[in-house]
PDB file of N, CA and C in Angstrom:
ATOM      1  N   MET A   1      19.186  31.867 -49.286  1.00  0.00           N
ATOM      2  CA  MET A   1      20.184  31.619 -48.274  1.00  0.00           C
ATOM      3  C   MET A   1      21.190  30.595 -48.756  1.00  0.00           C
ATOM      4  N   GLY A   2      20.686  29.475 -49.309  1.00  0.00           N
ATOM      5  CA  GLY A   2      21.629  28.481 -49.771  1.00  0.00           C
ATOM      6  C   GLY A   2      20.961  27.222 -50.277  1.00  0.00           C
ATOM      7  N   LYS A   3      21.783  26.365 -50.870  1.00  0.00           N
ATOM      8  CA  LYS A   3      21.335  25.076 -51.377  1.00  0.00           C
ATOM      9  C   LYS A   3      22.366  24.041 -50.977  1.00  0.00           C
ATOM     10  N   VAL A   4      21.876  22.845 -50.680  1.00  0.00           N
ATOM     11  CA  VAL A   4      22.747  21.712 -50.383  1.00  0.00           C
ATOM     12  C   VAL A   4      22.409  20.633 -51.396  1.00  0.00           C
ATOM     13  N   PHE A   5      23.422  20.158 -52.117  1.00  0.00           N
ATOM     14  CA  PHE A   5      23.222  19.153 -53.160  1.00  0.00           C
ATOM     15  C   PHE A   5      23.642  17.777 -52.653  1.00  0.00           C
ATOM     16  N   PHE A   6      22.846  16.767 -52.976  1.00  0.00           N
ATOM     17  CA  PHE A   6      23.064  15.410 -52.487  1.00  0.00           C
ATOM     18  C   PHE A   6      23.403  14.460 -53.627  1.00  0.00           C
ATOM     19  N   GLU A   7      24.072  13.370 -53.270  1.00  0.00           N
ATOM     20  CA  GLU A   7      24.385  12.311 -54.221  1.00  0.00           C
ATOM     21  C   GLU A   7      23.124  11.494 -54.510  1.00  0.00           C
ATOM     22  N   VAL A   8      23.127  10.764 -55.595  1.00  0.00           N
ATOM     23  CA  VAL A   8      22.006   9.906 -55.975  1.00  0.00           C
ATOM     24  C   VAL A   8      21.726   8.906 -54.859  1.00  0.00           C
ATOM     25  N   GLY A   9      20.474   8.823 -54.448  1.00  0.00           N
ATOM     26  CA  GLY A   9      20.041   7.835 -53.464  1.00  0.00           C
ATOM     27  C   GLY A   9      20.543   8.062 -52.053  1.00  0.00           C
ATOM     28  N   SER A  10      21.120   9.211 -51.760  1.00  0.00           N
ATOM     29  CA  SER A  10      21.718   9.447 -50.450  1.00  0.00           C
ATOM     30  C   SER A  10      21.041  10.597 -49.715  1.00  0.00           C
ATOM     31  N   SER A  11      20.901  10.416 -48.400  1.00  0.00           N
ATOM     32  CA  SER A  11      20.438  11.516 -47.556  1.00  0.00           C
ATOM     33  C   SER A  11      21.544  11.933 -46.588  1.00  0.00           C
ATOM     34  N   THR A  12      22.757  11.446 -46.824  1.00  0.00           N
ATOM     35  CA  THR A  12      23.897  11.821 -46.002  1.00  0.00           C
ATOM     36  C   THR A  12      24.338  13.235 -46.368  1.00  0.00           C
ATOM     37  N   LEU A  13      24.463  14.064 -45.352  1.00  0.00           N
ATOM     38  CA  LEU A  13      24.853  15.451 -45.575  1.00  0.00           C
ATOM     39  C   LEU A  13      26.247  15.495 -46.192  1.00  0.00           C
ATOM     40  N   PRO A  14      26.381  16.111 -47.365  1.00  0.00           N
ATOM     41  CA  PRO A  14      27.702  16.175 -48.003  1.00  0.00           C
ATOM     42  C   PRO A  14      28.630  17.131 -47.265  1.00  0.00           C
ATOM     43  N   ALA A  15      29.925  16.909 -47.401  1.00  0.00           N
ATOM     44  CA  ALA A  15      30.922  17.736 -46.710  1.00  0.00           C
ATOM     45  C   ALA A  15      30.805  19.202 -47.096  1.00  0.00           C
ATOM     46  N   ASP A  16      30.443  19.484 -48.335  1.00  0.00           N
ATOM     47  CA  ASP A  16      30.372  20.882 -48.768  1.00  0.00           C
ATOM     48  C   ASP A  16      29.101  21.602 -48.308  1.00  0.00           C
ATOM     49  N   ALA A  17      28.279  20.937 -47.513  1.00  0.00           N
ATOM     50  CA  ALA A  17      27.063  21.560 -46.983  1.00  0.00           C
ATOM     51  C   ALA A  17      27.373  22.573 -45.888  1.00  0.00           C
ATOM     52  N   ALA A  18      28.558  22.482 -45.304  1.00  0.00           N
ATOM     53  CA  ALA A  18      28.904  23.329 -44.166  1.00  0.00           C
ATOM     54  C   ALA A  18      28.752  24.818 -44.472  1.00  0.00           C
ATOM     55  N   ALA A  19      29.148  25.245 -45.650  1.00  0.00           N
ATOM     56  CA  ALA A  19      29.077  26.670 -45.983  1.00  0.00           C
ATOM     57  C   ALA A  19      27.633  27.171 -45.970  1.00  0.00           C
ATOM     58  N   ALA A  20      26.725  26.426 -46.593  1.00  0.00           N
ATOM     59  CA  ALA A  20      25.315  26.847 -46.633  1.00  0.00           C
ATOM     60  C   ALA A  20      24.705  26.820 -45.236  1.00  0.00           C
ATOM     61  N   VAL A  21      25.039  25.798 -44.463  1.00  0.00           N
ATOM     62  CA  VAL A  21      24.508  25.681 -43.100  1.00  0.00           C
ATOM     63  C   VAL A  21      25.023  26.832 -42.239  1.00  0.00           C
ATOM     64  N   GLU A  22      26.317  27.106 -42.304  1.00  0.00           N
ATOM     65  CA  GLU A  22      26.892  28.178 -41.494  1.00  0.00           C
ATOM     66  C   GLU A  22      26.339  29.544 -41.880  1.00  0.00           C
ATOM     67  N   ALA A  23      26.196  29.807 -43.176  1.00  0.00           N
ATOM     68  CA  ALA A  23      25.655  31.088 -43.625  1.00  0.00           C
ATOM     69  C   ALA A  23      24.210  31.266 -43.159  1.00  0.00           C
ATOM     70  N   THR A  24      23.443  30.191 -43.237  1.00  0.00           N
ATOM     71  CA  THR A  24      22.044  30.251 -42.798  1.00  0.00           C
ATOM     72  C   THR A  24      21.971  30.451 -41.294  1.00  0.00           C
ATOM     73  N   ALA A  25      22.780  29.726 -40.550  1.00  0.00           N
ATOM     74  CA  ALA A  25      22.786  29.866 -39.090  1.00  0.00           C
ATOM     75  C   ALA A  25      23.149  31.295 -38.688  1.00  0.00           C
ATOM     76  N   LYS A  26      24.119  31.876 -39.356  1.00  0.00           N
ATOM     77  CA  LYS A  26      24.521  33.255 -39.052  1.00  0.00           C
ATOM     78  C   LYS A  26      23.372  34.215 -39.333  1.00  0.00           C
ATOM     79  N   PHE A  27      22.710  34.038 -40.475  1.00  0.00           N
ATOM     80  CA  PHE A  27      21.568  34.896 -40.830  1.00  0.00           C
ATOM     81  C   PHE A  27      20.490  34.819 -39.747  1.00  0.00           C
ATOM     82  N   ILE A  28      20.158  33.605 -39.332  1.00  0.00           N
ATOM     83  CA  ILE A  28      19.097  33.405 -38.328  1.00  0.00           C
ATOM     84  C   ILE A  28      19.503  34.024 -36.989  1.00  0.00           C
ATOM     85  N   LYS A  29      20.738  33.797 -36.582  1.00  0.00           N
ATOM     86  CA  LYS A  29      21.200  34.314 -35.288  1.00  0.00           C
ATOM     87  C   LYS A  29      21.279  35.834 -35.272  1.00  0.00           C
ATOM     88  N   ASP A  30      21.569  36.447 -36.421  1.00  0.00           N
ATOM     89  CA  ASP A  30      21.712  37.900 -36.503  1.00  0.00           C
ATOM     90  C   ASP A  30      20.377  38.640 -36.535  1.00  0.00           C
ATOM     91  N   LYS A  31      19.293  37.937 -36.802  1.00  0.00           N
ATOM     92  CA  LYS A  31      17.971  38.569 -36.904  1.00  0.00           C
ATOM     93  C   LYS A  31      17.025  37.869 -35.923  1.00  0.00           C
ATOM     94  N   ALA A  32      16.616  38.591 -34.920  1.00  0.00           N
ATOM     95  CA  ALA A  32      15.839  38.003 -33.816  1.00  0.00           C
ATOM     96  C   ALA A  32      14.552  37.325 -34.270  1.00  0.00           C
ATOM     97  N   ASP A  33      13.919  37.825 -35.321  1.00  0.00           N
ATOM     98  CA  ASP A  33      12.641  37.269 -35.752  1.00  0.00           C
ATOM     99  C   ASP A  33      12.754  36.409 -37.013  1.00  0.00           C
ATOM    100  N   ALA A  34      13.968  36.132 -37.458  1.00  0.00           N
ATOM    101  CA  ALA A  34      14.164  35.384 -38.707  1.00  0.00           C
ATOM    102  C   ALA A  34      13.908  33.892 -38.519  1.00  0.00           C
ATOM    103  N   LYS A  35      13.403  33.295 -39.579  1.00  0.00           N
ATOM    104  CA  LYS A  35      13.202  31.848 -39.645  1.00  0.00           C
ATOM    105  C   LYS A  35      13.735  31.369 -40.988  1.00  0.00           C
ATOM    106  N   VAL A  36      13.893  30.073 -41.112  1.00  0.00           N
ATOM    107  CA  VAL A  36      14.352  29.491 -42.363  1.00  0.00           C
ATOM    108  C   VAL A  36      13.374  28.410 -42.805  1.00  0.00           C
ATOM    109  N   ASP A  37      13.049  28.416 -44.091  1.00  0.00           N
ATOM    110  CA  ASP A  37      12.249  27.349 -44.702  1.00  0.00           C
ATOM    111  C   ASP A  37      13.210  26.330 -45.296  1.00  0.00           C
ATOM    112  N   VAL A  38      13.017  25.062 -44.972  1.00  0.00           N
ATOM    113  CA  VAL A  38      13.860  23.978 -45.474  1.00  0.00           C
ATOM    114  C   VAL A  38      12.998  23.098 -46.371  1.00  0.00           C
ATOM    115  N   THR A  39      13.362  23.003 -47.651  1.00  0.00           N
ATOM    116  CA  THR A  39      12.578  22.245 -48.625  1.00  0.00           C
ATOM    117  C   THR A  39      13.473  21.274 -49.373  1.00  0.00           C
ATOM    118  N   GLY A  40      13.112  19.993 -49.359  1.00  0.00           N
ATOM    119  CA  GLY A  40      13.844  18.982 -50.113  1.00  0.00           C
ATOM    120  C   GLY A  40      13.230  18.792 -51.491  1.00  0.00           C
ATOM    121  N   TYR A  41      14.073  18.609 -52.485  1.00  0.00           N
ATOM    122  CA  TYR A  41      13.644  18.392 -53.869  1.00  0.00           C
ATOM    123  C   TYR A  41      14.173  17.044 -54.351  1.00  0.00           C
ATOM    124  N   THR A  42      13.518  16.501 -55.356  1.00  0.00           N
ATOM    125  CA  THR A  42      13.957  15.231 -55.936  1.00  0.00           C
ATOM    126  C   THR A  42      14.222  15.412 -57.421  1.00  0.00           C
ATOM    127  N   ASP A  43      15.007  14.488 -57.962  1.00  0.00           N
ATOM    128  CA  ASP A  43      15.145  14.491 -59.413  1.00  0.00           C
ATOM    129  C   ASP A  43      13.975  13.700 -60.003  1.00  0.00           C
ATOM    130  N   LYS A  44      13.941  13.568 -61.311  1.00  0.00           N
ATOM    131  CA  LYS A  44      12.779  12.948 -61.969  1.00  0.00           C
ATOM    132  C   LYS A  44      13.011  11.473 -62.315  1.00  0.00           C
ATOM    133  N   THR A  45      14.092  10.874 -61.807  1.00  0.00           N
ATOM    134  CA  THR A  45      14.364   9.470 -62.096  1.00  0.00           C
ATOM    135  C   THR A  45      13.856   8.585 -60.968  1.00  0.00           C
ATOM    136  N   GLY A  46      13.522   7.359 -61.293  1.00  0.00           N
ATOM    137  CA  GLY A  46      13.122   6.394 -60.268  1.00  0.00           C
ATOM    138  C   GLY A  46      11.701   6.575 -59.778  1.00  0.00           C
ATOM    139  N   ASP A  47      11.407   5.906 -58.668  1.00  0.00           N
ATOM    140  CA  ASP A  47      10.084   5.882 -58.065  1.00  0.00           C
ATOM    141  C   ASP A  47       9.773   7.206 -57.363  1.00  0.00           C
ATOM    142  N   VAL A  48       8.671   7.822 -57.718  1.00  0.00           N
ATOM    143  CA  VAL A  48       8.306   9.140 -57.188  1.00  0.00           C
ATOM    144  C   VAL A  48       8.151   9.098 -55.668  1.00  0.00           C
ATOM    145  N   GLU A  49       7.445   8.104 -55.141  1.00  0.00           N
ATOM    146  CA  GLU A  49       7.211   8.022 -53.696  1.00  0.00           C
ATOM    147  C   GLU A  49       8.522   7.852 -52.925  1.00  0.00           C
ATOM    148  N   LYS A  50       9.404   7.001 -53.420  1.00  0.00           N
ATOM    149  CA  LYS A  50      10.705   6.814 -52.766  1.00  0.00           C
ATOM    150  C   LYS A  50      11.518   8.103 -52.825  1.00  0.00           C
ATOM    151  N   ASN A  51      11.456   8.790 -53.947  1.00  0.00           N
ATOM    152  CA  ASN A  51      12.179  10.051 -54.084  1.00  0.00           C
ATOM    153  C   ASN A  51      11.662  11.109 -53.116  1.00  0.00           C
ATOM    154  N   LEU A  52      10.357  11.185 -52.948  1.00  0.00           N
ATOM    155  CA  LEU A  52       9.791  12.160 -52.024  1.00  0.00           C
ATOM    156  C   LEU A  52      10.207  11.854 -50.588  1.00  0.00           C
ATOM    157  N   GLU A  53      10.243  10.568 -50.226  1.00  0.00           N
ATOM    158  CA  GLU A  53      10.713  10.188 -48.890  1.00  0.00           C
ATOM    159  C   GLU A  53      12.192  10.545 -48.726  1.00  0.00           C
ATOM    160  N   LEU A  54      12.981  10.319 -49.769  1.00  0.00           N
ATOM    161  CA  LEU A  54      14.397  10.664 -49.738  1.00  0.00           C
ATOM    162  C   LEU A  54      14.577  12.177 -49.591  1.00  0.00           C
ATOM    163  N   ALA A  55      13.768  12.953 -50.295  1.00  0.00           N
ATOM    164  CA  ALA A  55      13.827  14.415 -50.177  1.00  0.00           C
ATOM    165  C   ALA A  55      13.521  14.844 -48.739  1.00  0.00           C
ATOM    166  N   LYS A  56      12.568  14.180 -48.107  1.00  0.00           N
ATOM    167  CA  LYS A  56      12.217  14.483 -46.725  1.00  0.00           C
ATOM    168  C   LYS A  56      13.395  14.163 -45.791  1.00  0.00           C
ATOM    169  N   GLU A  57      14.043  13.027 -46.007  1.00  0.00           N
ATOM    170  CA  GLU A  57      15.191  12.644 -45.187  1.00  0.00           C
ATOM    171  C   GLU A  57      16.362  13.608 -45.385  1.00  0.00           C
ATOM    172  N   ARG A  58      16.552  14.073 -46.600  1.00  0.00           N
ATOM    173  CA  ARG A  58      17.608  15.062 -46.870  1.00  0.00           C
ATOM    174  C   ARG A  58      17.316  16.357 -46.122  1.00  0.00           C
ATOM    175  N   ALA A  59      16.076  16.805 -46.154  1.00  0.00           N
ATOM    176  CA  ALA A  59      15.695  18.026 -45.444  1.00  0.00           C
ATOM    177  C   ALA A  59      15.907  17.859 -43.940  1.00  0.00           C
ATOM    178  N   LYS A  60      15.605  16.672 -43.417  1.00  0.00           N
ATOM    179  CA  LYS A  60      15.841  16.408 -41.992  1.00  0.00           C
ATOM    180  C   LYS A  60      17.332  16.475 -41.659  1.00  0.00           C
ATOM    181  N   ALA A  61      18.166  15.966 -42.556  1.00  0.00           N
ATOM    182  CA  ALA A  61      19.621  16.018 -42.327  1.00  0.00           C
ATOM    183  C   ALA A  61      20.098  17.470 -42.253  1.00  0.00           C
ATOM    184  N   VAL A  62      19.557  18.312 -43.118  1.00  0.00           N
ATOM    185  CA  VAL A  62      19.918  19.726 -43.097  1.00  0.00           C
ATOM    186  C   VAL A  62      19.385  20.378 -41.818  1.00  0.00           C
ATOM    187  N   ARG A  63      18.171  20.029 -41.428  1.00  0.00           N
ATOM    188  CA  ARG A  63      17.608  20.571 -40.174  1.00  0.00           C
ATOM    189  C   ARG A  63      18.513  20.221 -38.999  1.00  0.00           C
ATOM    190  N   GLU A  64      18.967  18.982 -38.926  1.00  0.00           N
ATOM    191  CA  GLU A  64      19.832  18.565 -37.817  1.00  0.00           C
ATOM    192  C   GLU A  64      21.152  19.335 -37.834  1.00  0.00           C
ATOM    193  N   ALA A  65      21.684  19.603 -39.025  1.00  0.00           N
ATOM    194  CA  ALA A  65      22.918  20.385 -39.128  1.00  0.00           C
ATOM    195  C   ALA A  65      22.691  21.822 -38.652  1.00  0.00           C
ATOM    196  N   LEU A  66      21.542  22.389 -38.989  1.00  0.00           N
ATOM    197  CA  LEU A  66      21.216  23.737 -38.524  1.00  0.00           C
ATOM    198  C   LEU A  66      21.100  23.767 -37.001  1.00  0.00           C
ATOM    199  N   LYS A  67      20.440  22.778 -36.438  1.00  0.00           N
ATOM    200  CA  LYS A  67      20.318  22.697 -34.984  1.00  0.00           C
ATOM    201  C   LYS A  67      21.699  22.562 -34.338  1.00  0.00           C
ATOM    202  N   ALA A  68      22.557  21.736 -34.925  1.00  0.00           N
ATOM    203  CA  ALA A  68      23.918  21.562 -34.402  1.00  0.00           C
ATOM    204  C   ALA A  68      24.709  22.862 -34.486  1.00  0.00           C
ATOM    205  N   ALA A  69      24.347  23.723 -35.443  1.00  0.00           N
ATOM    206  CA  ALA A  69      25.014  25.015 -35.607  1.00  0.00           C
ATOM    207  C   ALA A  69      24.410  26.088 -34.697  1.00  0.00           C
ATOM    208  N   GLY A  70      23.440  25.695 -33.866  1.00  0.00           N
ATOM    209  CA  GLY A  70      22.884  26.621 -32.890  1.00  0.00           C
ATOM    210  C   GLY A  70      21.563  27.263 -33.248  1.00  0.00           C
ATOM    211  N   VAL A  71      20.917  26.810 -34.318  1.00  0.00           N
ATOM    212  CA  VAL A  71      19.618  27.362 -34.701  1.00  0.00           C
ATOM    213  C   VAL A  71      18.527  26.623 -33.922  1.00  0.00           C
ATOM    214  N   ALA A  72      17.677  27.371 -33.239  1.00  0.00           N
ATOM    215  CA  ALA A  72      16.581  26.771 -32.476  1.00  0.00           C
ATOM    216  C   ALA A  72      15.585  26.104 -33.428  1.00  0.00           C
ATOM    217  N   GLU A  73      15.083  24.945 -33.038  1.00  0.00           N
ATOM    218  CA  GLU A  73      14.177  24.190 -33.904  1.00  0.00           C
ATOM    219  C   GLU A  73      12.920  24.975 -34.261  1.00  0.00           C
ATOM    220  N   ASP A  74      12.449  25.823 -33.353  1.00  0.00           N
ATOM    221  CA  ASP A  74      11.228  26.587 -33.650  1.00  0.00           C
ATOM    222  C   ASP A  74      11.458  27.699 -34.677  1.00  0.00           C
ATOM    223  N   ARG A  75      12.692  27.863 -35.119  1.00  0.00           N
ATOM    224  CA  ARG A  75      12.997  28.846 -36.162  1.00  0.00           C
ATOM    225  C   ARG A  75      13.234  28.170 -37.508  1.00  0.00           C
ATOM    226  N   ILE A  76      13.012  26.850 -37.544  1.00  0.00           N
ATOM    227  CA  ILE A  76      13.202  26.070 -38.768  1.00  0.00           C
ATOM    228  C   ILE A  76      11.842  25.558 -39.224  1.00  0.00           C
ATOM    229  N   ASN A  77      11.408  25.986 -40.402  1.00  0.00           N
ATOM    230  CA  ASN A  77      10.129  25.537 -40.976  1.00  0.00           C
ATOM    231  C   ASN A  77      10.413  24.437 -41.994  1.00  0.00           C
ATOM    232  N   MET A  78       9.919  23.250 -41.725  1.00  0.00           N
ATOM    233  CA  MET A  78      10.074  22.146 -42.672  1.00  0.00           C
ATOM    234  C   MET A  78       8.925  22.209 -43.670  1.00  0.00           C
ATOM    235  N   LYS A  79       9.253  22.311 -44.943  1.00  0.00           N
ATOM    236  CA  LYS A  79       8.260  22.374 -46.009  1.00  0.00           C
ATOM    237  C   LYS A  79       8.109  20.999 -46.660  1.00  0.00           C
ATOM    238  N   PRO A  80       6.953  20.719 -47.272  1.00  0.00           N
ATOM    239  CA  PRO A  80       6.770  19.427 -47.946  1.00  0.00           C
ATOM    240  C   PRO A  80       7.772  19.252 -49.085  1.00  0.00           C
ATOM    241  N   PRO A  81       8.201  18.010 -49.328  1.00  0.00           N
ATOM    242  CA  PRO A  81       9.132  17.768 -50.428  1.00  0.00           C
ATOM    243  C   PRO A  81       8.491  18.074 -51.777  1.00  0.00           C
ATOM    244  N   VAL A  82       9.355  18.411 -52.735  1.00  0.00           N
ATOM    245  CA  VAL A  82       8.902  18.782 -54.070  1.00  0.00           C
ATOM    246  C   VAL A  82       9.553  17.861 -55.088  1.00  0.00           C
ATOM    247  N   SER A  83       8.744  17.315 -55.982  1.00  0.00           N
ATOM    248  CA  SER A  83       9.250  16.460 -57.056  1.00  0.00           C
ATOM    249  C   SER A  83       9.433  17.300 -58.304  1.00  0.00           C
ATOM    250  N   ILE A  84      10.638  17.267 -58.872  1.00  0.00           N
ATOM    251  CA  ILE A  84      10.951  18.040 -60.065  1.00  0.00           C
ATOM    252  C   ILE A  84      10.548  17.243 -61.303  1.00  0.00           C
ATOM    253  N   THR A  85       9.890  17.911 -62.228  1.00  0.00           N
ATOM    254  CA  THR A  85       9.556  17.298 -63.507  1.00  0.00           C
ATOM    255  C   THR A  85      10.129  18.170 -64.610  1.00  0.00           C
ATOM    256  N   GLY A  86      10.109  17.679 -65.819  1.00  0.00           N
ATOM    257  CA  GLY A  86      10.615  18.478 -66.927  1.00  0.00           C
ATOM    258  C   GLY A  86      12.021  18.077 -67.316  1.00  0.00           C
ATOM    259  N   SER A  87      12.733  18.983 -67.954  1.00  0.00           N
ATOM    260  CA  SER A  87      14.026  18.643 -68.536  1.00  0.00           C
ATOM    261  C   SER A  87      15.200  19.227 -67.767  1.00  0.00           C
ATOM    262  N   GLY A  88      15.025  19.530 -66.488  1.00  0.00           N
ATOM    263  CA  GLY A  88      16.111  20.107 -65.703  1.00  0.00           C
ATOM    264  C   GLY A  88      17.227  19.120 -65.415  1.00  0.00           C
ATOM    265  N   ASP A  89      18.302  19.626 -64.866  1.00  0.00           N
ATOM    266  CA  ASP A  89      19.471  18.846 -64.497  1.00  0.00           C
ATOM    267  C   ASP A  89      19.170  18.032 -63.241  1.00  0.00           C
ATOM    268  N   ASN A  90      19.351  16.706 -63.307  1.00  0.00           N
ATOM    269  CA  ASN A  90      19.067  15.848 -62.155  1.00  0.00           C
ATOM    270  C   ASN A  90      19.947  16.172 -60.958  1.00  0.00           C
ATOM    271  N   ALA A  91      21.220  16.498 -61.184  1.00  0.00           N
ATOM    272  CA  ALA A  91      22.110  16.833 -60.074  1.00  0.00           C
ATOM    273  C   ALA A  91      21.619  18.092 -59.359  1.00  0.00           C
ATOM    274  N   GLU A  92      21.131  19.060 -60.108  1.00  0.00           N
ATOM    275  CA  GLU A  92      20.578  20.284 -59.528  1.00  0.00           C
ATOM    276  C   GLU A  92      19.281  19.990 -58.774  1.00  0.00           C
ATOM    277  N   ALA A  93      18.537  19.019 -59.249  1.00  0.00           N
ATOM    278  CA  ALA A  93      17.256  18.693 -58.644  1.00  0.00           C
ATOM    279  C   ALA A  93      17.404  18.001 -57.292  1.00  0.00           C
ATOM    280  N   ARG A  94      18.480  17.282 -57.059  1.00  0.00           N
ATOM    281  CA  ARG A  94      18.692  16.566 -55.792  1.00  0.00           C
ATOM    282  C   ARG A  94      19.271  17.531 -54.758  1.00  0.00           C
ATOM    283  N   ARG A  95      18.403  18.385 -54.234  1.00  0.00           N
ATOM    284  CA  ARG A  95      18.875  19.440 -53.353  1.00  0.00           C
ATOM    285  C   ARG A  95      17.903  19.693 -52.200  1.00  0.00           C
ATOM    286  N   VAL A  96      18.420  20.410 -51.239  1.00  0.00           N
ATOM    287  CA  VAL A  96      17.603  21.002 -50.185  1.00  0.00           C
ATOM    288  C   VAL A  96      17.863  22.499 -50.255  1.00  0.00           C
ATOM    289  N   GLU A  97      16.793  23.273 -50.327  1.00  0.00           N
ATOM    290  CA  GLU A  97      16.919  24.731 -50.362  1.00  0.00           C
ATOM    291  C   GLU A  97      16.659  25.313 -48.995  1.00  0.00           C
ATOM    292  N   LEU A  98      17.447  26.325 -48.667  1.00  0.00           N
ATOM    293  CA  LEU A  98      17.279  27.090 -47.434  1.00  0.00           C
ATOM    294  C   LEU A  98      16.885  28.502 -47.843  1.00  0.00           C
ATOM    295  N   ASN A  99      15.668  28.898 -47.468  1.00  0.00           N
ATOM    296  CA  ASN A  99      15.140  30.210 -47.846  1.00  0.00           C
ATOM    297  C   ASN A  99      14.633  30.940 -46.621  1.00  0.00           C
ATOM    298  N   PRO A 100      14.635  32.284 -46.654  1.00  0.00           N
ATOM    299  CA  PRO A 100      14.052  33.024 -45.528  1.00  0.00           C
ATOM    300  C   PRO A 100      12.621  32.557 -45.292  1.00  0.00           C
ATOM    301  N   GLY A 101      12.296  32.310 -44.040  1.00  0.00           N
ATOM    302  CA  GLY A 101      10.973  31.793 -43.685  1.00  0.00           C
ATOM    303  C   GLY A 101      10.015  32.872 -43.271  1.00  0.00           C
ATOM    304  N   SER A 102       8.800  32.424 -43.038  1.00  0.00           N
ATOM    305  CA  SER A 102       7.761  33.363 -42.623  1.00  0.00           C
ATOM    306  C   SER A 102       7.401  33.145 -41.181  1.00  0.00           C
TER     307      SER A 102
END
């Protein structure tokens, strides 16, 4: 459905998140039984525990944007945050993913 990318150390919803939020809201509203899984990810720099908490706060910010766009809270599944390891791009890792839910 979409991805929302965040700045380092921030859980403030970026201005460019609107497109992903709107597309997800439209998908959910168009399908009576559809749900969305919201998962926050962290990059591999800094303190792991702080990063996981930040990923959770980012996911909450996206959830609130979805609710503001008219998505019922019971159609939003909050998934546990995921810590990225390995050699991936840190900017790509600081994201919240929106995927079709179960």
